[in-house]
Amino acid sequence: MGDGKYFDDAETECTNNGGRLAIIGLAELNTFLTSIVSPAHSSPSCYWFGLSRSADAEPFTWIDETQISNPIWAPDEPGTSTVRTCACLWSDGNDANRHGQWDSRSCNDTQPYICERPQVPTGQWTDIPGVLNVQYYVSTFSTNYFNASEYCQQTGGQLAQLKTSTINSAVRNQFGNIGDGRFWFGLEDLSKEGDFRWADGTLLRNTG
């Protein structure tokens, strides 16, 4: 978090510190960030994060140029404006209708801001005997599938693809005694089509 800056200056400050303005793509992340910023200012504040639009007719987009889904706008937001507008996360424990929701304001307003940057793994990437050209890393914390996938991408990898019984056995033998032995890996059916896909988009097939 930082003190009040114009939106673009806030993004520059985040970049200079190895990050970017936060992309709040999950409701759980929005709740978590709200809990962090709430004690930071005694008076109501609105924190820039990485969402803006160039004009009223244009959609809001994240700073990585992706479209938003399931936005958490406060009542009557986003407002109309003849200037470029940016989104901020509202923190006001006395206003339940706006607390933890998003406002739209002129990007030339000065607001505090929230940066994000990739987390450096606290453990080490591991070579596993019998598995070539791939290293593995096991997290030291628990999270949901979506956050696990994003975390792996931020650290330069992806959720593990255990595409053969040989790889599956090697990974289980290497890491199966850590914690309760249950880990997310890169296989999902998020579209509920009945067909599981690997993290690289290929279909699951029975291979040995």
Protein backbone atom coordinates (compact mmCIF):
# COMPACT_ATOMS: atom_id res chain seq x y z
CA MET A 1 0.00 0.00 0.00
CA GLY A 2 1.07 3.57 -0.56
CA ASP A 3 0.04 7.14 0.22
CA GLY A 4 -2.07 9.24 -2.13
CA LYS A 5 -0.99 9.43 -5.79
CA TYR A 6 -2.52 9.86 -9.22
CA PHE A 7 -3.43 6.48 -10.75
CA ASP A 8 -0.56 6.49 -13.28
CA ASP A 9 1.93 7.61 -10.65
CA ALA A 10 0.73 4.81 -8.38
CA GLU A 11 1.27 2.28 -11.18
CA THR A 12 4.76 3.67 -11.78
CA GLU A 13 5.58 3.34 -8.09
CA CYS A 14 4.36 -0.27 -8.10
CA THR A 15 6.45 -1.04 -11.21
CA ASN A 16 9.54 0.54 -9.67
CA ASN A 17 9.15 -1.86 -6.76
CA GLY A 18 8.89 -4.95 -8.96
CA GLY A 19 5.11 -5.19 -9.13
CA ARG A 20 1.97 -3.57 -10.53
CA LEU A 21 -1.33 -2.22 -9.27
CA ALA A 22 -3.28 -5.17 -7.87
CA ILE A 23 -5.63 -7.15 -10.10
CA ILE A 24 -8.55 -8.18 -7.89
CA GLY A 25 -9.99 -11.01 -9.96
CA LEU A 26 -11.47 -13.06 -7.10
CA ALA A 27 -14.06 -12.13 -4.49
CA GLU A 28 -11.93 -13.87 -1.86
CA LEU A 29 -8.97 -11.63 -2.75
CA ASN A 30 -11.21 -8.55 -2.57
CA THR A 31 -12.32 -9.56 0.95
CA PHE A 32 -8.74 -10.21 2.01
CA LEU A 33 -7.45 -6.87 0.71
CA THR A 34 -10.35 -5.03 2.35
CA SER A 35 -9.36 -6.56 5.68
CA ILE A 36 -5.79 -5.32 5.19
CA VAL A 37 -6.56 -1.74 4.16
CA SER A 38 -9.33 -1.15 6.70
CA PRO A 39 -6.99 -0.48 9.66
CA ALA A 40 -4.57 1.59 7.53
CA HIS A 41 -6.59 4.84 7.63
CA SER A 42 -8.83 6.05 10.44
CA SER A 43 -11.07 7.90 7.95
CA PRO A 44 -12.84 6.47 4.88
CA SER A 45 -10.42 5.89 2.00
CA CYS A 46 -10.54 4.50 -1.52
CA TYR A 47 -7.50 2.58 -2.82
CA TRP A 48 -6.45 2.48 -6.47
CA PHE A 49 -6.05 -0.98 -7.93
CA GLY A 50 -5.35 -2.05 -11.51
CA LEU A 51 -8.67 -1.30 -13.26
CA SER A 52 -9.53 1.63 -15.54
CA ARG A 53 -11.34 2.78 -18.69
CA SER A 54 -10.52 5.51 -21.20
CA ALA A 55 -14.09 6.82 -21.66
CA ASP A 56 -17.67 6.10 -20.57
CA ALA A 57 -18.39 4.10 -23.72
CA GLU A 58 -15.39 1.85 -23.15
CA PRO A 59 -15.41 -1.18 -20.83
CA PHE A 60 -13.23 -1.27 -17.75
CA THR A 61 -10.14 -3.42 -18.28
CA TRP A 62 -7.37 -4.66 -16.04
CA ILE A 63 -3.89 -3.23 -16.48
CA ASP A 64 -2.88 -6.48 -18.22
CA GLU A 65 -5.61 -5.60 -20.80
CA THR A 66 -7.92 -8.47 -19.83
CA GLN A 67 -11.65 -7.94 -19.34
CA ILE A 68 -13.25 -7.99 -15.91
CA SER A 69 -15.82 -10.55 -14.80
CA ASN A 70 -18.01 -10.41 -11.69
CA PRO A 71 -17.08 -6.83 -10.69
CA ILE A 72 -17.86 -5.68 -7.15
CA TRP A 73 -19.20 -2.18 -7.83
CA ALA A 74 -20.77 -0.14 -5.06
CA PRO A 75 -24.37 1.08 -5.59
CA ASP A 76 -24.68 3.52 -8.54
CA GLU A 77 -21.19 2.67 -9.74
CA PRO A 78 -19.46 2.95 -12.09
CA GLY A 79 -20.49 6.56 -12.48
CA THR A 80 -20.42 8.60 -15.67
CA SER A 81 -17.58 10.96 -16.50
CA THR A 82 -16.13 12.86 -19.44
CA VAL A 83 -12.57 12.01 -18.35
CA ARG A 84 -10.63 8.77 -17.95
CA THR A 85 -11.83 6.92 -14.88
CA CYS A 86 -10.13 4.39 -12.64
CA ALA A 87 -11.41 2.02 -9.98
CA CYS A 88 -10.65 2.11 -6.29
CA LEU A 89 -11.47 -0.20 -3.38
CA TRP A 90 -13.65 1.57 -0.82
CA SER A 91 -12.79 1.19 2.87
CA ASP A 92 -15.31 2.58 5.33
CA GLY A 93 -16.40 0.41 8.23
CA ASN A 94 -19.31 2.77 8.94
CA ASP A 95 -20.88 2.37 5.49
CA ALA A 96 -21.84 -1.23 4.85
CA ASN A 97 -23.28 -0.34 1.43
CA ARG A 98 -19.86 0.71 0.09
CA HIS A 99 -17.26 -0.89 2.34
CA GLY A 100 -15.22 -3.44 0.40
CA GLN A 101 -16.79 -2.45 -2.92
CA TRP A 102 -15.48 -0.53 -5.92
CA ASP A 103 -15.86 3.15 -6.81
CA SER A 104 -14.94 4.86 -10.09
CA ARG A 105 -13.12 8.18 -9.95
CA SER A 106 -11.06 10.45 -12.14
CA CYS A 107 -7.63 8.90 -12.58
CA ASN A 108 -6.21 12.33 -11.73
CA ASP A 109 -7.57 12.13 -8.19
CA THR A 110 -4.99 11.32 -5.53
CA GLN A 111 -5.76 8.09 -3.69
CA PRO A 112 -3.79 5.54 -1.71
CA TYR A 113 -3.10 2.41 -3.73
CA ILE A 114 -2.50 -1.34 -3.57
CA CYS A 115 0.38 -3.02 -5.40
CA GLU A 116 1.01 -6.70 -6.05
CA ARG A 117 4.11 -8.60 -7.10
CA PRO A 118 5.00 -12.26 -7.60
CA GLN A 119 5.75 -14.12 -4.41
CA VAL A 120 9.14 -15.80 -4.29
CA PRO A 121 8.74 -19.46 -3.25
CA THR A 122 9.92 -20.05 0.31
CA GLY A 123 10.95 -23.59 -0.58
CA GLN A 124 13.12 -24.88 -3.39
CA TRP A 125 12.37 -26.23 -6.84
CA THR A 126 13.20 -29.93 -6.87
CA ASP A 127 14.51 -32.30 -9.52
CA ILE A 128 12.83 -35.70 -9.30
CA PRO A 129 14.74 -38.81 -10.48
CA GLY A 130 13.16 -40.25 -13.61
CA VAL A 131 11.39 -37.01 -14.61
CA LEU A 132 13.39 -35.06 -17.20
CA ASN A 133 13.37 -31.33 -17.96
CA VAL A 134 10.87 -30.47 -15.20
CA GLN A 135 11.30 -29.20 -11.66
CA TYR A 136 8.68 -29.28 -8.92
CA TYR A 137 7.83 -27.03 -6.01
CA VAL A 138 5.44 -27.80 -3.13
CA SER A 139 3.81 -24.82 -1.39
CA THR A 140 4.08 -24.27 2.33
CA PHE A 141 0.49 -22.97 2.58
CA SER A 142 -3.01 -24.12 1.65
CA THR A 143 -5.26 -22.28 -0.80
CA ASN A 144 -7.97 -22.93 -3.40
CA TYR A 145 -7.34 -24.25 -6.91
CA PHE A 146 -7.60 -20.85 -8.61
CA ASN A 147 -5.12 -19.15 -6.28
CA ALA A 148 -2.76 -22.12 -6.54
CA SER A 149 -2.80 -21.89 -10.33
CA GLU A 150 -2.15 -18.13 -10.27
CA TYR A 151 0.65 -18.54 -7.72
CA CYS A 152 2.41 -21.12 -9.90
CA GLN A 153 2.16 -18.82 -12.92
CA GLN A 154 3.54 -15.87 -10.95
CA THR A 155 6.57 -17.94 -9.97
CA GLY A 156 7.29 -18.94 -13.57
CA GLY A 157 5.57 -22.31 -13.70
CA GLN A 158 2.16 -23.98 -13.77
CA LEU A 159 0.31 -26.54 -11.69
CA ALA A 160 2.02 -29.89 -12.21
CA GLN A 161 0.79 -32.10 -15.05
CA LEU A 162 1.01 -35.72 -13.94
CA LYS A 163 0.32 -37.12 -17.38
CA THR A 164 1.83 -40.59 -16.95
CA SER A 165 1.78 -43.16 -14.18
CA THR A 166 5.59 -42.89 -14.01
CA ILE A 167 5.47 -39.16 -13.31
CA ASN A 168 2.55 -39.57 -10.90
CA SER A 169 4.41 -42.22 -8.90
CA ALA A 170 7.65 -40.24 -8.86
CA VAL A 171 5.93 -37.10 -7.56
CA ARG A 172 3.95 -39.09 -4.97
CA ASN A 173 7.11 -40.80 -3.72
CA GLN A 174 8.95 -37.47 -3.50
CA PHE A 175 6.27 -35.38 -1.79
CA GLY A 176 3.65 -37.77 -0.42
CA ASN A 177 4.92 -37.52 3.15
CA ILE A 178 4.50 -33.73 3.31
CA GLY A 179 1.48 -32.51 5.30
CA ASP A 180 -1.57 -34.67 4.71
CA GLY A 181 -0.23 -35.74 1.30
CA ARG A 182 -2.96 -33.98 -0.69
CA PHE A 183 -2.00 -31.37 -3.29
CA TRP A 184 -3.62 -29.54 -6.18
CA PHE A 185 -2.19 -30.37 -9.59
CA GLY A 186 -3.01 -29.14 -13.09
CA LEU A 187 -6.15 -31.09 -14.03
CA GLU A 188 -9.65 -29.62 -14.01
CA ASP A 189 -13.15 -29.60 -15.46
CA LEU A 190 -14.07 -26.00 -14.64
CA SER A 191 -16.47 -25.79 -17.58
CA LYS A 192 -18.32 -28.87 -16.25
CA GLU A 193 -18.31 -30.56 -19.66
CA GLY A 194 -17.43 -33.94 -18.20
CA ASP A 195 -13.99 -33.81 -19.84
CA PHE A 196 -10.99 -33.08 -17.63
CA ARG A 197 -8.21 -30.99 -19.14
CA TRP A 198 -4.60 -30.47 -18.17
CA ALA A 199 -3.22 -27.03 -17.37
CA ASP A 200 -1.91 -26.75 -20.94
CA GLY A 201 -5.47 -27.25 -22.29
CA THR A 202 -5.04 -30.81 -23.57
CA LEU A 203 -7.64 -33.47 -22.78
CA LEU A 204 -7.02 -36.14 -20.16
CA ARG A 205 -6.30 -39.49 -21.74
CA ASN A 206 -5.52 -42.84 -20.18
CA THR A 207 -1.77 -43.15 -20.58
CA GLY A 208 0.76 -45.35 -18.94
